[in-house]
């Protein structure tokens, strides 16, 4: 009989009451209905924040590749200039790439280790 006069304790995990209040508050419900797609578009749309971060990351990678390509081009230009004038550079390239030898030299080749 005593239980009839006391209120039941509400569970902190009971979500039915806040949901009912939300459905009764029309302005808040309208605001949520408008804000949800807008936030979704701002985050995930073609011009959204996530796409922008992805593009910024791609831009950094491309700039790094560009710097590496420019360094390679400079190295190749220097090598080309050396090959135009320097006999030692010409000889080095001929020996390394084409396997050329001077008369009387013996070349020993080793197989790569496995």
PDB file of N, CA and C in Angstrom:
ATOM      1  N   UNK A   1       0.805  -1.193   0.000  1.00  0.00           N
ATOM      2  CA  UNK A   1       0.000   0.000   0.000  1.00  0.00           C
ATOM      3  C   UNK A   1       0.850   1.260   0.000  1.00  0.00           C
ATOM      4  N   UNK A   2       2.017   1.156   0.601  1.00  0.00           N
ATOM      5  CA  UNK A   2       2.863   2.331   0.673  1.00  0.00           C
ATOM      6  C   UNK A   2       3.369   2.739  -0.702  1.00  0.00           C
ATOM      7  N   UNK A   3       3.540   1.800  -1.602  1.00  0.00           N
ATOM      8  CA  UNK A   3       4.086   2.089  -2.924  1.00  0.00           C
ATOM      9  C   UNK A   3       3.151   2.941  -3.764  1.00  0.00           C
ATOM     10  N   UNK A   4       1.913   3.049  -3.414  1.00  0.00           N
ATOM     11  CA  UNK A   4       0.965   3.832  -4.197  1.00  0.00           C
ATOM     12  C   UNK A   4       1.207   5.327  -4.062  1.00  0.00           C
ATOM     13  N   UNK A   5       1.812   5.751  -2.965  1.00  0.00           N
ATOM     14  CA  UNK A   5       1.950   7.174  -2.715  1.00  0.00           C
ATOM     15  C   UNK A   5       3.310   7.737  -3.110  1.00  0.00           C
ATOM     16  N   UNK A   6       4.207   6.886  -3.523  1.00  0.00           N
ATOM     17  CA  UNK A   6       5.547   7.344  -3.910  1.00  0.00           C
ATOM     18  C   UNK A   6       5.710   7.267  -5.425  1.00  0.00           C
ATOM     19  N   UNK A   7       6.443   8.233  -5.953  1.00  0.00           N
ATOM     20  CA  UNK A   7       6.748   8.203  -7.391  1.00  0.00           C
ATOM     21  C   UNK A   7       7.816   7.156  -7.670  1.00  0.00           C
ATOM     22  N   UNK A   8       7.702   6.562  -8.834  1.00  0.00           N
ATOM     23  CA  UNK A   8       8.712   5.595  -9.237  1.00  0.00           C
ATOM     24  C   UNK A   8       9.975   6.344  -9.630  1.00  0.00           C
ATOM     25  N   UNK A   9      11.121   5.751  -9.330  1.00  0.00           N
ATOM     26  CA  UNK A   9      12.389   6.346  -9.738  1.00  0.00           C
ATOM     27  C   UNK A   9      12.554   6.167 -11.229  1.00  0.00           C
ATOM     28  N   UNK A  10      12.950   7.264 -11.911  1.00  0.00           N
ATOM     29  CA  UNK A  10      13.167   7.195 -13.347  1.00  0.00           C
ATOM     30  C   UNK A  10      14.572   6.681 -13.620  1.00  0.00           C
ATOM     31  N   UNK A  11      14.664   5.846 -14.591  1.00  0.00           N
ATOM     32  CA  UNK A  11      15.955   5.331 -14.994  1.00  0.00           C
ATOM     33  C   UNK A  11      16.701   6.427 -15.761  1.00  0.00           C
ATOM     34  N   UNK A  12      17.994   6.605 -15.514  1.00  0.00           N
ATOM     35  CA  UNK A  12      18.725   7.643 -16.249  1.00  0.00           C
ATOM     36  C   UNK A  12      18.873   7.304 -17.729  1.00  0.00           C
ATOM     37  N   UNK A  13      18.624   6.075 -18.105  1.00  0.00           N
ATOM     38  CA  UNK A  13      18.770   5.644 -19.488  1.00  0.00           C
ATOM     39  C   UNK A  13      17.444   5.631 -20.230  1.00  0.00           C
ATOM     40  N   UNK A  14      16.383   6.073 -19.604  1.00  0.00           N
ATOM     41  CA  UNK A  14      15.072   6.083 -20.247  1.00  0.00           C
ATOM     42  C   UNK A  14      14.988   7.294 -21.171  1.00  0.00           C
ATOM     43  N   UNK A  15      14.910   7.059 -22.464  1.00  0.00           N
ATOM     44  CA  UNK A  15      14.924   8.143 -23.449  1.00  0.00           C
ATOM     45  C   UNK A  15      13.529   8.478 -23.968  1.00  0.00           C
ATOM     46  N   UNK A  16      12.526   7.841 -23.469  1.00  0.00           N
ATOM     47  CA  UNK A  16      11.182   8.088 -24.006  1.00  0.00           C
ATOM     48  C   UNK A  16      10.682   9.486 -23.659  1.00  0.00           C
ATOM     49  N   UNK A  17      10.919   9.938 -22.431  1.00  0.00           N
ATOM     50  CA  UNK A  17      10.401  11.238 -22.019  1.00  0.00           C
ATOM     51  C   UNK A  17      11.052  12.407 -22.773  1.00  0.00           C
ATOM     52  N   UNK A  18      12.367  12.467 -22.904  1.00  0.00           N
ATOM     53  CA  UNK A  18      12.942  13.568 -23.701  1.00  0.00           C
ATOM     54  C   UNK A  18      12.484  13.528 -25.154  1.00  0.00           C
ATOM     55  N   UNK A  19      12.282  12.338 -25.682  1.00  0.00           N
ATOM     56  CA  UNK A  19      11.803  12.225 -27.063  1.00  0.00           C
ATOM     57  C   UNK A  19      10.385  12.758 -27.189  1.00  0.00           C
ATOM     58  N   UNK A  20       9.552  12.483 -26.188  1.00  0.00           N
ATOM     59  CA  UNK A  20       8.165  13.009 -26.203  1.00  0.00           C
ATOM     60  C   UNK A  20       8.181  14.533 -26.113  1.00  0.00           C
ATOM     61  N   UNK A  21       9.057  15.075 -25.259  1.00  0.00           N
ATOM     62  CA  UNK A  21       9.156  16.540 -25.147  1.00  0.00           C
ATOM     63  C   UNK A  21       9.602  17.152 -26.479  1.00  0.00           C
ATOM     64  N   UNK A  22      10.531  16.504 -27.130  1.00  0.00           N
ATOM     65  CA  UNK A  22      11.012  16.990 -28.416  1.00  0.00           C
ATOM     66  C   UNK A  22       9.886  17.018 -29.442  1.00  0.00           C
ATOM     67  N   UNK A  23       9.069  15.997 -29.473  1.00  0.00           N
ATOM     68  CA  UNK A  23       7.965  15.953 -30.428  1.00  0.00           C
ATOM     69  C   UNK A  23       6.911  17.018 -30.123  1.00  0.00           C
ATOM     70  N   UNK A  24       6.772  17.398 -28.854  1.00  0.00           N
ATOM     71  CA  UNK A  24       5.796  18.443 -28.507  1.00  0.00           C
ATOM     72  C   UNK A  24       6.330  19.839 -28.858  1.00  0.00           C
ATOM     73  N   UNK A  25       7.607  20.048 -28.845  1.00  0.00           N
ATOM     74  CA  UNK A  25       8.194  21.348 -29.128  1.00  0.00           C
ATOM     75  C   UNK A  25       8.383  21.481 -30.647  1.00  0.00           C
ATOM     76  N   UNK A  26       7.445  22.123 -31.309  1.00  0.00           N
ATOM     77  CA  UNK A  26       7.440  22.196 -32.773  1.00  0.00           C
ATOM     78  C   UNK A  26       8.600  23.032 -33.321  1.00  0.00           C
ATOM     79  N   UNK A  27       8.960  24.122 -32.643  1.00  0.00           N
ATOM     80  CA  UNK A  27      10.046  24.967 -33.137  1.00  0.00           C
ATOM     81  C   UNK A  27      11.376  24.214 -33.130  1.00  0.00           C
ATOM     82  N   UNK A  28      11.641  23.539 -32.050  1.00  0.00           N
ATOM     83  CA  UNK A  28      12.884  22.783 -31.958  1.00  0.00           C
ATOM     84  C   UNK A  28      12.907  21.653 -32.982  1.00  0.00           C
ATOM     85  N   UNK A  29      11.769  21.011 -33.167  1.00  0.00           N
ATOM     86  CA  UNK A  29      11.673  19.942 -34.148  1.00  0.00           C
ATOM     87  C   UNK A  29      11.919  20.476 -35.561  1.00  0.00           C
ATOM     88  N   UNK A  30      11.363  21.659 -35.879  1.00  0.00           N
ATOM     89  CA  UNK A  30      11.586  22.281 -37.184  1.00  0.00           C
ATOM     90  C   UNK A  30      13.062  22.668 -37.347  1.00  0.00           C
ATOM     91  N   UNK A  31      13.663  23.202 -36.301  1.00  0.00           N
ATOM     92  CA  UNK A  31      15.071  23.575 -36.354  1.00  0.00           C
ATOM     93  C   UNK A  31      15.950  22.348 -36.602  1.00  0.00           C
ATOM     94  N   UNK A  32      15.662  21.263 -35.944  1.00  0.00           N
ATOM     95  CA  UNK A  32      16.435  20.035 -36.144  1.00  0.00           C
ATOM     96  C   UNK A  32      16.222  19.495 -37.553  1.00  0.00           C
ATOM     97  N   UNK A  33      14.999  19.569 -38.052  1.00  0.00           N
ATOM     98  CA  UNK A  33      14.693  19.070 -39.396  1.00  0.00           C
ATOM     99  C   UNK A  33      15.428  19.877 -40.468  1.00  0.00           C
ATOM    100  N   UNK A  34      15.638  21.157 -40.224  1.00  0.00           N
ATOM    101  CA  UNK A  34      16.359  21.990 -41.196  1.00  0.00           C
ATOM    102  C   UNK A  34      17.878  21.856 -41.012  1.00  0.00           C
ATOM    103  N   UNK A  35      18.331  21.803 -39.776  1.00  0.00           N
ATOM    104  CA  UNK A  35      19.768  21.800 -39.500  1.00  0.00           C
ATOM    105  C   UNK A  35      20.445  20.479 -39.868  1.00  0.00           C
ATOM    106  N   UNK A  36      19.740  19.373 -39.727  1.00  0.00           N
ATOM    107  CA  UNK A  36      20.363  18.069 -39.985  1.00  0.00           C
ATOM    108  C   UNK A  36      20.836  17.920 -41.436  1.00  0.00           C
ATOM    109  N   UNK A  37      19.995  18.167 -42.442  1.00  0.00           N
ATOM    110  CA  UNK A  37      20.508  18.058 -43.815  1.00  0.00           C
ATOM    111  C   UNK A  37      21.574  19.113 -44.134  1.00  0.00           C
ATOM    112  N   UNK A  38      21.426  20.303 -43.553  1.00  0.00           N
ATOM    113  CA  UNK A  38      22.409  21.357 -43.793  1.00  0.00           C
ATOM    114  C   UNK A  38      23.784  20.960 -43.252  1.00  0.00           C
ATOM    115  N   UNK A  39      23.833  20.451 -42.050  1.00  0.00           N
ATOM    116  CA  UNK A  39      25.093  19.999 -41.468  1.00  0.00           C
ATOM    117  C   UNK A  39      25.653  18.820 -42.261  1.00  0.00           C
ATOM    118  N   UNK A  40      24.782  17.918 -42.689  1.00  0.00           N
ATOM    119  CA  UNK A  40      25.229  16.791 -43.507  1.00  0.00           C
ATOM    120  C   UNK A  40      25.855  17.254 -44.808  1.00  0.00           C
ATOM    121  N   UNK A  41      25.244  18.246 -45.457  1.00  0.00           N
ATOM    122  CA  UNK A  41      25.803  18.776 -46.707  1.00  0.00           C
ATOM    123  C   UNK A  41      27.136  19.476 -46.460  1.00  0.00           C
ATOM    124  N   UNK A  42      27.218  20.253 -45.368  1.00  0.00           N
ATOM    125  CA  UNK A  42      28.464  20.965 -45.065  1.00  0.00           C
ATOM    126  C   UNK A  42      29.606  20.005 -44.753  1.00  0.00           C
ATOM    127  N   UNK A  43      29.292  18.877 -44.166  1.00  0.00           N
ATOM    128  CA  UNK A  43      30.339  17.911 -43.840  1.00  0.00           C
ATOM    129  C   UNK A  43      30.677  16.997 -45.014  1.00  0.00           C
ATOM    130  N   UNK A  44      29.647  16.426 -45.643  1.00  0.00           N
ATOM    131  CA  UNK A  44      29.872  15.344 -46.596  1.00  0.00           C
ATOM    132  C   UNK A  44      29.599  15.713 -48.049  1.00  0.00           C
ATOM    133  N   UNK A  45      29.169  16.925 -48.341  1.00  0.00           N
ATOM    134  CA  UNK A  45      28.842  17.311 -49.706  1.00  0.00           C
ATOM    135  C   UNK A  45      30.066  17.450 -50.589  1.00  0.00           C
ATOM    136  N   UNK A  46      29.835  17.744 -51.862  1.00  0.00           N
ATOM    137  CA  UNK A  46      30.943  17.854 -52.809  1.00  0.00           C
ATOM    138  C   UNK A  46      31.858  19.035 -52.485  1.00  0.00           C
ATOM    139  N   UNK A  47      31.349  20.022 -51.792  1.00  0.00           N
ATOM    140  CA  UNK A  47      32.166  21.150 -51.344  1.00  0.00           C
ATOM    141  C   UNK A  47      32.274  21.168 -49.827  1.00  0.00           C
ATOM    142  N   UNK A  48      32.102  20.037 -49.210  1.00  0.00           N
ATOM    143  CA  UNK A  48      32.086  19.936 -47.759  1.00  0.00           C
ATOM    144  C   UNK A  48      33.465  19.933 -47.141  1.00  0.00           C
ATOM    145  N   UNK A  49      33.474  19.892 -45.844  1.00  0.00           N
ATOM    146  CA  UNK A  49      34.716  19.970 -45.084  1.00  0.00           C
ATOM    147  C   UNK A  49      35.577  18.739 -45.325  1.00  0.00           C
ATOM    148  N   UNK A  50      34.979  17.570 -45.350  1.00  0.00           N
ATOM    149  CA  UNK A  50      35.753  16.348 -45.547  1.00  0.00           C
ATOM    150  C   UNK A  50      36.404  16.339 -46.926  1.00  0.00           C
ATOM    151  N   UNK A  51      35.670  16.763 -47.941  1.00  0.00           N
ATOM    152  CA  UNK A  51      36.236  16.824 -49.300  1.00  0.00           C
ATOM    153  C   UNK A  51      37.374  17.840 -49.349  1.00  0.00           C
ATOM    154  N   UNK A  52      37.214  18.953 -48.655  1.00  0.00           N
ATOM    155  CA  UNK A  52      38.259  19.980 -48.648  1.00  0.00           C
ATOM    156  C   UNK A  52      39.540  19.461 -47.990  1.00  0.00           C
ATOM    157  N   UNK A  53      39.396  18.745 -46.887  1.00  0.00           N
ATOM    158  CA  UNK A  53      40.561  18.173 -46.213  1.00  0.00           C
ATOM    159  C   UNK A  53      41.250  17.164 -47.131  1.00  0.00           C
ATOM    160  N   UNK A  54      40.466  16.363 -47.823  1.00  0.00           N
ATOM    161  CA  UNK A  54      41.036  15.376 -48.749  1.00  0.00           C
ATOM    162  C   UNK A  54      41.806  16.076 -49.875  1.00  0.00           C
ATOM    163  N   UNK A  55      41.242  17.150 -50.409  1.00  0.00           N
ATOM    164  CA  UNK A  55      41.917  17.888 -51.481  1.00  0.00           C
ATOM    165  C   UNK A  55      43.194  18.571 -50.989  1.00  0.00           C
ATOM    166  N   UNK A  56      43.169  19.086 -49.775  1.00  0.00           N
ATOM    167  CA  UNK A  56      44.371  19.701 -49.215  1.00  0.00           C
ATOM    168  C   UNK A  56      45.482  18.654 -49.070  1.00  0.00           C
ATOM    169  N   UNK A  57      45.104  17.456 -48.650  1.00  0.00           N
ATOM    170  CA  UNK A  57      46.086  16.374 -48.515  1.00  0.00           C
ATOM    171  C   UNK A  57      46.664  16.010 -49.885  1.00  0.00           C
ATOM    172  N   UNK A  58      45.827  15.940 -50.899  1.00  0.00           N
ATOM    173  CA  UNK A  58      46.302  15.644 -52.254  1.00  0.00           C
ATOM    174  C   UNK A  58      47.223  16.755 -52.758  1.00  0.00           C
ATOM    175  N   UNK A  59      46.908  17.991 -52.421  1.00  0.00           N
ATOM    176  CA  UNK A  59      47.724  19.123 -52.846  1.00  0.00           C
ATOM    177  C   UNK A  59      49.125  19.030 -52.248  1.00  0.00           C
ATOM    178  N   UNK A  60      49.211  18.677 -50.976  1.00  0.00           N
ATOM    179  CA  UNK A  60      50.516  18.539 -50.323  1.00  0.00           C
ATOM    180  C   UNK A  60      51.312  17.424 -50.986  1.00  0.00           C
ATOM    181  N   UNK A  61      50.668  16.301 -51.287  1.00  0.00           N
ATOM    182  CA  UNK A  61      51.357  15.192 -51.950  1.00  0.00           C
ATOM    183  C   UNK A  61      51.853  15.601 -53.338  1.00  0.00           C
ATOM    184  N   UNK A  62      51.029  16.303 -54.096  1.00  0.00           N
ATOM    185  CA  UNK A  62      51.420  16.734 -55.442  1.00  0.00           C
ATOM    186  C   UNK A  62      52.583  17.721 -55.390  1.00  0.00           C
ATOM    187  N   UNK A  63      52.565  18.638 -54.422  1.00  0.00           N
ATOM    188  CA  UNK A  63      53.672  19.583 -54.290  1.00  0.00           C
ATOM    189  C   UNK A  63      54.972  18.857 -53.962  1.00  0.00           C
ATOM    190  N   UNK A  64      54.894  17.823 -53.126  1.00  0.00           N
ATOM    191  CA  UNK A  64      56.081  17.031 -52.798  1.00  0.00           C
ATOM    192  C   UNK A  64      56.609  16.319 -54.042  1.00  0.00           C
ATOM    193  N   UNK A  65      55.710  15.732 -54.821  1.00  0.00           N
ATOM    194  CA  UNK A  65      56.125  15.055 -56.058  1.00  0.00           C
ATOM    195  C   UNK A  65      56.737  16.044 -57.044  1.00  0.00           C
ATOM    196  N   UNK A  66      56.191  17.267 -57.090  1.00  0.00           N
ATOM    197  CA  UNK A  66      56.728  18.302 -57.981  1.00  0.00           C
ATOM    198  C   UNK A  66      58.151  18.681 -57.571  1.00  0.00           C
ATOM    199  N   UNK A  67      58.376  18.851 -56.257  1.00  0.00           N
ATOM    200  CA  UNK A  67      59.724  19.181 -55.782  1.00  0.00           C
ATOM    201  C   UNK A  67      60.713  18.065 -56.126  1.00  0.00           C
ATOM    202  N   UNK A  68      60.280  16.813 -55.976  1.00  0.00           N
ATOM    203  CA  UNK A  68      61.152  15.687 -56.313  1.00  0.00           C
ATOM    204  C   UNK A  68      61.462  15.659 -57.815  1.00  0.00           C
ATOM    205  N   UNK A  69      60.464  15.941 -58.643  1.00  0.00           N
ATOM    206  CA  UNK A  69      60.680  15.947 -60.092  1.00  0.00           C
ATOM    207  C   UNK A  69      61.609  17.088 -60.499  1.00  0.00           C
ATOM    208  N   UNK A  70      61.465  18.247 -59.867  1.00  0.00           N
ATOM    209  CA  UNK A  70      62.358  19.364 -60.170  1.00  0.00           C
ATOM    210  C   UNK A  70      63.798  19.041 -59.764  1.00  0.00           C
ATOM    211  N   UNK A  71      63.979  18.391 -58.623  1.00  0.00           N
ATOM    212  CA  UNK A  71      65.326  18.007 -58.192  1.00  0.00           C
ATOM    213  C   UNK A  71      65.925  16.999 -59.176  1.00  0.00           C
ATOM    214  N   UNK A  72      65.133  16.059 -59.649  1.00  0.00           N
ATOM    215  CA  UNK A  72      65.603  15.072 -60.629  1.00  0.00           C
ATOM    216  C   UNK A  72      65.979  15.762 -61.941  1.00  0.00           C
ATOM    217  N   UNK A  73      65.160  16.738 -62.356  1.00  0.00           N
ATOM    218  CA  UNK A  73      65.461  17.466 -63.599  1.00  0.00           C
ATOM    219  C   UNK A  73      66.772  18.246 -63.462  1.00  0.00           C
ATOM    220  N   UNK A  74      66.994  18.873 -62.313  1.00  0.00           N
ATOM    221  CA  UNK A  74      68.253  19.602 -62.092  1.00  0.00           C
ATOM    222  C   UNK A  74      69.449  18.656 -62.130  1.00  0.00           C
ATOM    223  N   UNK A  75      69.306  17.490 -61.504  1.00  0.00           N
ATOM    224  CA  UNK A  75      70.394  16.513 -61.499  1.00  0.00           C
ATOM    225  C   UNK A  75      70.708  16.052 -62.926  1.00  0.00           C
ATOM    226  N   UNK A  76      69.642  15.813 -63.713  1.00  0.00           N
ATOM    227  CA  UNK A  76      69.855  15.373 -65.092  1.00  0.00           C
ATOM    228  C   UNK A  76      70.490  16.471 -65.950  1.00  0.00           C
ATOM    229  N   UNK A  77      70.136  17.735 -65.684  1.00  0.00           N
ATOM    230  CA  UNK A  77      70.766  18.841 -66.417  1.00  0.00           C
ATOM    231  C   UNK A  77      72.257  18.912 -66.107  1.00  0.00           C
ATOM    232  N   UNK A  78      72.599  18.764 -64.840  1.00  0.00           N
ATOM    233  CA  UNK A  78      74.009  18.800 -64.464  1.00  0.00           C
ATOM    234  C   UNK A  78      74.769  17.639 -65.096  1.00  0.00           C
ATOM    235  N   UNK A  79      74.159  16.482 -65.112  1.00  0.00           N
ATOM    236  CA  UNK A  79      74.805  15.325 -65.729  1.00  0.00           C
ATOM    237  C   UNK A  79      74.975  15.535 -67.227  1.00  0.00           C
ATOM    238  N   UNK A  80      73.989  16.149 -67.856  1.00  0.00           N
ATOM    239  CA  UNK A  80      74.072  16.416 -69.292  1.00  0.00           C
ATOM    240  C   UNK A  80      75.199  17.404 -69.598  1.00  0.00           C
ATOM    241  N   UNK A  81      75.322  18.453 -68.779  1.00  0.00           N
ATOM    242  CA  UNK A  81      76.406  19.416 -68.976  1.00  0.00           C
ATOM    243  C   UNK A  81      77.763  18.753 -68.778  1.00  0.00           C
ATOM    244  N   UNK A  82      77.835  17.859 -67.785  1.00  0.00           N
ATOM    245  CA  UNK A  82      79.099  17.159 -67.542  1.00  0.00           C
ATOM    246  C   UNK A  82      79.450  16.269 -68.724  1.00  0.00           C
ATOM    247  N   UNK A  83      78.458  15.647 -69.328  1.00  0.00           N
ATOM    248  CA  UNK A  83      78.722  14.778 -70.468  1.00  0.00           C
ATOM    249  C   UNK A  83      79.121  15.569 -71.707  1.00  0.00           C
ATOM    250  N   UNK A  84      78.739  16.841 -71.791  1.00  0.00           N
ATOM    251  CA  UNK A  84      79.127  17.672 -72.930  1.00  0.00           C
ATOM    252  C   UNK A  84      80.607  18.035 -72.892  1.00  0.00           C
ATOM    253  N   UNK A  85      81.168  18.226 -71.699  1.00  0.00           N
ATOM    254  CA  UNK A  85      82.520  18.765 -71.598  1.00  0.00           C
ATOM    255  C   UNK A  85      83.545  17.822 -70.967  1.00  0.00           C
ATOM    256  N   UNK A  86      83.144  17.035 -70.016  1.00  0.00           N
ATOM    257  CA  UNK A  86      84.077  16.281 -69.196  1.00  0.00           C
ATOM    258  C   UNK A  86      84.305  14.874 -69.746  1.00  0.00           C
ATOM    259  N   UNK A  87      85.560  14.584 -70.128  1.00  0.00           N
ATOM    260  CA  UNK A  87      85.876  13.259 -70.686  1.00  0.00           C
ATOM    261  C   UNK A  87      85.767  12.168 -69.618  1.00  0.00           C
ATOM    262  N   UNK A  88      86.081  12.504 -68.380  1.00  0.00           N
ATOM    263  CA  UNK A  88      86.007  11.515 -67.298  1.00  0.00           C
ATOM    264  C   UNK A  88      84.549  11.089 -67.063  1.00  0.00           C
ATOM    265  N   UNK A  89      83.621  12.038 -67.162  1.00  0.00           N
ATOM    266  CA  UNK A  89      82.203  11.713 -66.983  1.00  0.00           C
ATOM    267  C   UNK A  89      81.705  10.836 -68.127  1.00  0.00           C
ATOM    268  N   UNK A  90      82.167  11.142 -69.341  1.00  0.00           N
ATOM    269  CA  UNK A  90      81.785  10.323 -70.502  1.00  0.00           C
ATOM    270  C   UNK A  90      82.305   8.902 -70.330  1.00  0.00           C
ATOM    271  N   UNK A  91      83.544   8.781 -69.877  1.00  0.00           N
ATOM    272  CA  UNK A  91      84.127   7.452 -69.682  1.00  0.00           C
ATOM    273  C   UNK A  91      83.389   6.682 -68.587  1.00  0.00           C
ATOM    274  N   UNK A  92      83.059   7.368 -67.497  1.00  0.00           N
ATOM    275  CA  UNK A  92      82.347   6.720 -66.392  1.00  0.00           C
ATOM    276  C   UNK A  92      81.013   6.161 -66.859  1.00  0.00           C
ATOM    277  N   UNK A  93      80.250   6.956 -67.622  1.00  0.00           N
ATOM    278  CA  UNK A  93      78.945   6.508 -68.117  1.00  0.00           C
ATOM    279  C   UNK A  93      79.122   5.349 -69.090  1.00  0.00           C
ATOM    280  N   UNK A  94      80.110   5.415 -69.947  1.00  0.00           N
ATOM    281  CA  UNK A  94      80.346   4.335 -70.907  1.00  0.00           C
ATOM    282  C   UNK A  94      80.690   3.038 -70.186  1.00  0.00           C
ATOM    283  N   UNK A  95      81.475   3.132 -69.126  1.00  0.00           N
ATOM    284  CA  UNK A  95      81.842   1.929 -68.376  1.00  0.00           C
ATOM    285  C   UNK A  95      80.646   1.369 -67.601  1.00  0.00           C
ATOM    286  N   UNK A  96      79.883   2.242 -66.942  1.00  0.00           N
ATOM    287  CA  UNK A  96      78.775   1.781 -66.095  1.00  0.00           C
ATOM    288  C   UNK A  96      77.605   1.249 -66.908  1.00  0.00           C
ATOM    289  N   UNK A  97      77.168   2.012 -67.873  1.00  0.00           N
ATOM    290  CA  UNK A  97      75.927   1.662 -68.580  1.00  0.00           C
ATOM    291  C   UNK A  97      76.145   0.722 -69.760  1.00  0.00           C
ATOM    292  N   UNK A  98      77.265   0.845 -70.414  1.00  0.00           N
ATOM    293  CA  UNK A  98      77.469   0.075 -71.642  1.00  0.00           C
ATOM    294  C   UNK A  98      78.505  -1.033 -71.494  1.00  0.00           C
ATOM    295  N   UNK A  99      79.133  -1.138 -70.328  1.00  0.00           N
ATOM    296  CA  UNK A  99      80.080  -2.214 -70.076  1.00  0.00           C
ATOM    297  C   UNK A  99      81.346  -2.124 -70.901  1.00  0.00           C
ATOM    298  N   UNK A 100      81.738  -0.953 -71.304  1.00  0.00           N
ATOM    299  CA  UNK A 100      82.942  -0.782 -72.119  1.00  0.00           C
ATOM    300  C   UNK A 100      84.186  -0.886 -71.237  1.00  0.00           C
ATOM    301  N   UNK A 101      85.274  -1.363 -71.821  1.00  0.00           N
ATOM    302  CA  UNK A 101      86.544  -1.509 -71.106  1.00  0.00           C
ATOM    303  C   UNK A 101      87.671  -0.983 -71.983  1.00  0.00           C
ATOM    304  N   UNK A 102      88.765  -0.635 -71.336  1.00  0.00           N
ATOM    305  CA  UNK A 102      89.957  -0.225 -72.076  1.00  0.00           C
ATOM    306  C   UNK A 102      90.686  -1.475 -72.574  1.00  0.00           C
ATOM    307  N   UNK A 103      91.484  -1.313 -73.590  1.00  0.00           N
ATOM    308  CA  UNK A 103      92.257  -2.472 -74.069  1.00  0.00           C
ATOM    309  C   UNK A 103      93.191  -2.990 -72.979  1.00  0.00           C
ATOM    310  N   UNK A 104      93.163  -4.288 -72.784  1.00  0.00           N
ATOM    311  CA  UNK A 104      94.025  -4.908 -71.795  1.00  0.00           C
ATOM    312  C   UNK A 104      93.394  -5.048 -70.417  1.00  0.00           C
ATOM    313  N   UNK A 105      92.230  -4.473 -70.179  1.00  0.00           N
ATOM    314  CA  UNK A 105      91.563  -4.596 -68.881  1.00  0.00           C
ATOM    315  C   UNK A 105      90.756  -5.888 -68.828  1.00  0.00           C
ATOM    316  N   UNK A 106      90.612  -6.418 -67.640  1.00  0.00           N
ATOM    317  CA  UNK A 106      89.797  -7.597 -67.423  1.00  0.00           C
ATOM    318  C   UNK A 106      88.653  -7.214 -66.489  1.00  0.00           C
ATOM    319  N   UNK A 107      87.435  -7.577 -66.872  1.00  0.00           N
ATOM    320  CA  UNK A 107      86.257  -7.230 -66.079  1.00  0.00           C
ATOM    321  C   UNK A 107      85.778  -8.478 -65.361  1.00  0.00           C
ATOM    322  N   UNK A 108      85.561  -8.348 -64.065  1.00  0.00           N
ATOM    323  CA  UNK A 108      85.014  -9.438 -63.265  1.00  0.00           C
ATOM    324  C   UNK A 108      83.609  -9.050 -62.832  1.00  0.00           C
ATOM    325  N   UNK A 109      82.664  -9.924 -63.087  1.00  0.00           N
ATOM    326  CA  UNK A 109      81.286  -9.655 -62.665  1.00  0.00           C
ATOM    327  C   UNK A 109      80.889 -10.699 -61.628  1.00  0.00           C
ATOM    328  N   UNK A 110      80.179 -10.241 -60.631  1.00  0.00           N
ATOM    329  CA  UNK A 110      79.704 -11.155 -59.592  1.00  0.00           C
ATOM    330  C   UNK A 110      78.199 -11.241 -59.680  1.00  0.00           C
ATOM    331  N   UNK A 111      77.675 -12.396 -59.349  1.00  0.00           N
ATOM    332  CA  UNK A 111      76.216 -12.545 -59.364  1.00  0.00           C
ATOM    333  C   UNK A 111      75.664 -12.002 -58.044  1.00  0.00           C
ATOM    334  N   UNK A 112      74.482 -11.431 -58.094  1.00  0.00           N
ATOM    335  CA  UNK A 112      73.906 -10.879 -56.861  1.00  0.00           C
ATOM    336  C   UNK A 112      73.574 -12.011 -55.887  1.00  0.00           C
ATOM    337  N   UNK A 113      73.746 -11.751 -54.607  1.00  0.00           N
ATOM    338  CA  UNK A 113      73.445 -12.757 -53.592  1.00  0.00           C
ATOM    339  C   UNK A 113      71.950 -12.912 -53.458  1.00  0.00           C
ATOM    340  N   UNK A 114      71.553 -14.117 -53.123  1.00  0.00           N
ATOM    341  CA  UNK A 114      70.108 -14.376 -53.002  1.00  0.00           C
ATOM    342  C   UNK A 114      69.685 -14.483 -51.581  1.00  0.00           C
TER     343      UNK A 114
END
